[in-house]
Amino acid sequence: MTNRSTTADFVTAFATGWPEHQPDIMVLSLTTQRGVQDFAFTKEQALLIAKTMKQTAAKLEQPKTA
């Protein structure tokens, strides 16, 4: 398991794309306070990530109002 930090970086922007000469991968770029991090995914990995995000998002509670 990956060793995780006790503080969280918040994503302020992201972009996805496909390298011009590598259409078999998807690149996800995340911008945090520490800079930009790029991740490359295969189609299967990208679909699994999307499925997991959809399931997690469905479990989110409504935002609390003041």
N, C-alpha and C. Protein backbone atom coordinates (compact mmCIF):
# COMPACT_ATOMS: atom_id res chain seq x y z
N MET A 1 0.85 -1.17 0.00
CA MET A 1 0.00 0.00 0.00
C MET A 1 0.89 1.23 0.00
N THR A 2 0.44 2.26 -0.64
CA THR A 2 1.20 3.50 -0.74
C THR A 2 1.18 4.24 0.58
N ASN A 3 2.31 4.80 0.98
CA ASN A 3 2.39 5.61 2.18
C ASN A 3 1.76 6.96 1.89
N ARG A 4 0.75 7.35 2.65
CA ARG A 4 0.03 8.59 2.37
C ARG A 4 0.39 9.68 3.37
N SER A 5 0.31 10.88 2.90
CA SER A 5 0.58 12.04 3.74
C SER A 5 -0.64 12.33 4.62
N THR A 6 -0.44 13.04 5.71
CA THR A 6 -1.56 13.36 6.59
C THR A 6 -2.29 14.62 6.15
N THR A 7 -1.74 15.36 5.19
CA THR A 7 -2.43 16.54 4.68
C THR A 7 -2.90 16.26 3.26
N ALA A 8 -3.99 16.90 2.89
CA ALA A 8 -4.56 16.66 1.56
C ALA A 8 -4.24 17.81 0.62
N ASP A 9 -3.95 17.45 -0.61
CA ASP A 9 -3.86 18.44 -1.68
C ASP A 9 -5.23 18.50 -2.34
N PHE A 10 -5.69 19.68 -2.64
CA PHE A 10 -6.96 19.82 -3.31
C PHE A 10 -6.72 20.10 -4.78
N VAL A 11 -7.45 19.42 -5.61
CA VAL A 11 -7.33 19.62 -7.05
C VAL A 11 -8.04 20.91 -7.41
N THR A 12 -7.30 21.80 -8.06
CA THR A 12 -7.89 23.07 -8.46
C THR A 12 -8.27 23.07 -9.93
N ALA A 13 -7.73 22.16 -10.70
CA ALA A 13 -8.05 22.05 -12.11
C ALA A 13 -7.61 20.70 -12.62
N PHE A 14 -8.26 20.23 -13.66
CA PHE A 14 -7.81 19.00 -14.28
C PHE A 14 -8.11 19.04 -15.77
N ALA A 15 -7.42 18.24 -16.49
CA ALA A 15 -7.65 18.12 -17.92
C ALA A 15 -7.32 16.70 -18.34
N THR A 16 -8.03 16.22 -19.32
CA THR A 16 -7.72 14.90 -19.87
C THR A 16 -7.43 15.06 -21.34
N GLY A 17 -6.68 14.14 -21.86
CA GLY A 17 -6.35 14.19 -23.28
C GLY A 17 -5.70 12.90 -23.73
N TRP A 18 -5.47 12.84 -25.00
CA TRP A 18 -4.83 11.69 -25.60
C TRP A 18 -3.61 12.20 -26.35
N PRO A 19 -2.44 11.64 -26.06
CA PRO A 19 -1.25 12.07 -26.80
C PRO A 19 -1.44 11.82 -28.29
N GLU A 20 -0.99 12.75 -29.09
CA GLU A 20 -1.19 12.69 -30.53
C GLU A 20 -0.73 11.38 -31.15
N HIS A 21 0.40 10.87 -30.68
CA HIS A 21 0.96 9.66 -31.26
C HIS A 21 0.72 8.42 -30.40
N GLN A 22 -0.11 8.55 -29.37
CA GLN A 22 -0.42 7.42 -28.50
C GLN A 22 -1.91 7.42 -28.17
N PRO A 23 -2.77 7.08 -29.14
CA PRO A 23 -4.21 7.10 -28.89
C PRO A 23 -4.70 5.97 -27.99
N ASP A 24 -3.79 5.09 -27.55
CA ASP A 24 -4.19 3.96 -26.71
C ASP A 24 -4.16 4.29 -25.22
N ILE A 25 -3.79 5.52 -24.85
CA ILE A 25 -3.79 5.91 -23.43
C ILE A 25 -4.53 7.22 -23.24
N MET A 26 -5.00 7.44 -22.02
CA MET A 26 -5.60 8.71 -21.64
C MET A 26 -4.68 9.34 -20.61
N VAL A 27 -4.43 10.62 -20.74
CA VAL A 27 -3.60 11.34 -19.78
C VAL A 27 -4.50 12.25 -18.94
N LEU A 28 -4.39 12.12 -17.63
CA LEU A 28 -5.13 12.96 -16.70
C LEU A 28 -4.13 13.87 -16.01
N SER A 29 -4.33 15.17 -16.13
CA SER A 29 -3.45 16.15 -15.49
C SER A 29 -4.20 16.80 -14.33
N LEU A 30 -3.61 16.75 -13.15
CA LEU A 30 -4.22 17.35 -11.96
C LEU A 30 -3.34 18.49 -11.47
N THR A 31 -3.96 19.63 -11.23
CA THR A 31 -3.23 20.79 -10.72
C THR A 31 -3.55 20.95 -9.24
N THR A 32 -2.50 20.95 -8.42
CA THR A 32 -2.66 21.14 -6.98
C THR A 32 -1.75 22.28 -6.55
N GLN A 33 -1.75 22.57 -5.26
CA GLN A 33 -0.89 23.63 -4.76
C GLN A 33 0.59 23.28 -4.90
N ARG A 34 0.89 22.03 -5.14
CA ARG A 34 2.28 21.60 -5.32
C ARG A 34 2.70 21.55 -6.78
N GLY A 35 1.78 21.81 -7.69
CA GLY A 35 2.11 21.78 -9.10
C GLY A 35 1.21 20.84 -9.87
N VAL A 36 1.61 20.52 -11.07
CA VAL A 36 0.83 19.67 -11.95
C VAL A 36 1.38 18.25 -11.91
N GLN A 37 0.49 17.27 -11.83
CA GLN A 37 0.88 15.87 -11.89
C GLN A 37 0.11 15.22 -13.02
N ASP A 38 0.80 14.50 -13.88
CA ASP A 38 0.19 13.81 -15.01
C ASP A 38 0.17 12.31 -14.75
N PHE A 39 -0.95 11.69 -15.12
CA PHE A 39 -1.12 10.25 -14.98
C PHE A 39 -1.57 9.69 -16.31
N ALA A 40 -1.03 8.56 -16.71
CA ALA A 40 -1.42 7.90 -17.95
C ALA A 40 -2.20 6.63 -17.61
N PHE A 41 -3.33 6.42 -18.31
CA PHE A 41 -4.19 5.28 -18.05
C PHE A 41 -4.50 4.54 -19.35
N THR A 42 -4.63 3.23 -19.23
CA THR A 42 -5.15 2.44 -20.34
C THR A 42 -6.66 2.61 -20.35
N LYS A 43 -7.31 2.13 -21.38
CA LYS A 43 -8.78 2.23 -21.47
C LYS A 43 -9.43 1.51 -20.29
N GLU A 44 -8.95 0.32 -19.95
CA GLU A 44 -9.53 -0.45 -18.85
C GLU A 44 -9.37 0.28 -17.52
N GLN A 45 -8.20 0.87 -17.29
CA GLN A 45 -7.98 1.62 -16.05
C GLN A 45 -8.89 2.85 -15.99
N ALA A 46 -9.01 3.55 -17.10
CA ALA A 46 -9.84 4.75 -17.13
C ALA A 46 -11.30 4.41 -16.85
N LEU A 47 -11.79 3.31 -17.41
CA LEU A 47 -13.18 2.91 -17.17
C LEU A 47 -13.40 2.47 -15.72
N LEU A 48 -12.43 1.81 -15.12
CA LEU A 48 -12.54 1.41 -13.72
C LEU A 48 -12.55 2.64 -12.81
N ILE A 49 -11.69 3.60 -13.09
CA ILE A 49 -11.65 4.84 -12.31
C ILE A 49 -12.99 5.57 -12.43
N ALA A 50 -13.52 5.66 -13.65
CA ALA A 50 -14.80 6.34 -13.86
C ALA A 50 -15.92 5.64 -13.10
N LYS A 51 -15.94 4.31 -13.11
CA LYS A 51 -16.97 3.55 -12.39
C LYS A 51 -16.87 3.80 -10.89
N THR A 52 -15.65 3.77 -10.36
CA THR A 52 -15.44 3.99 -8.93
C THR A 52 -15.86 5.41 -8.53
N MET A 53 -15.51 6.39 -9.36
CA MET A 53 -15.89 7.78 -9.06
C MET A 53 -17.41 7.94 -9.08
N LYS A 54 -18.08 7.31 -10.01
CA LYS A 54 -19.54 7.40 -10.10
C LYS A 54 -20.18 6.79 -8.86
N GLN A 55 -19.70 5.63 -8.43
CA GLN A 55 -20.24 4.97 -7.23
C GLN A 55 -20.00 5.82 -5.98
N THR A 56 -18.82 6.39 -5.87
CA THR A 56 -18.49 7.22 -4.71
C THR A 56 -19.32 8.50 -4.71
N ALA A 57 -19.46 9.13 -5.87
CA ALA A 57 -20.24 10.36 -5.98
C ALA A 57 -21.70 10.12 -5.59
N ALA A 58 -22.24 8.96 -5.93
CA ALA A 58 -23.62 8.65 -5.59
C ALA A 58 -23.83 8.56 -4.08
N LYS A 59 -22.77 8.29 -3.33
CA LYS A 59 -22.86 8.16 -1.88
C LYS A 59 -22.64 9.48 -1.13
N LEU A 60 -22.26 10.52 -1.86
CA LEU A 60 -22.00 11.82 -1.22
C LEU A 60 -23.28 12.39 -0.63
N GLU A 61 -23.15 13.05 0.51
CA GLU A 61 -24.29 13.71 1.12
C GLU A 61 -24.48 15.08 0.50
N GLN A 62 -25.66 15.64 0.69
CA GLN A 62 -25.94 16.99 0.21
C GLN A 62 -25.06 17.98 0.98
N PRO A 63 -24.63 19.07 0.34
CA PRO A 63 -23.84 20.07 1.06
C PRO A 63 -24.64 20.68 2.20
N LYS A 64 -23.97 20.99 3.28
CA LYS A 64 -24.62 21.62 4.43
C LYS A 64 -24.79 23.10 4.17
N THR A 65 -25.96 23.62 4.47
CA THR A 65 -26.22 25.03 4.29
C THR A 65 -26.13 25.75 5.63
N ALA A 66 -25.72 26.99 5.58
CA ALA A 66 -25.52 27.76 6.82
C ALA A 66 -26.82 28.30 7.34
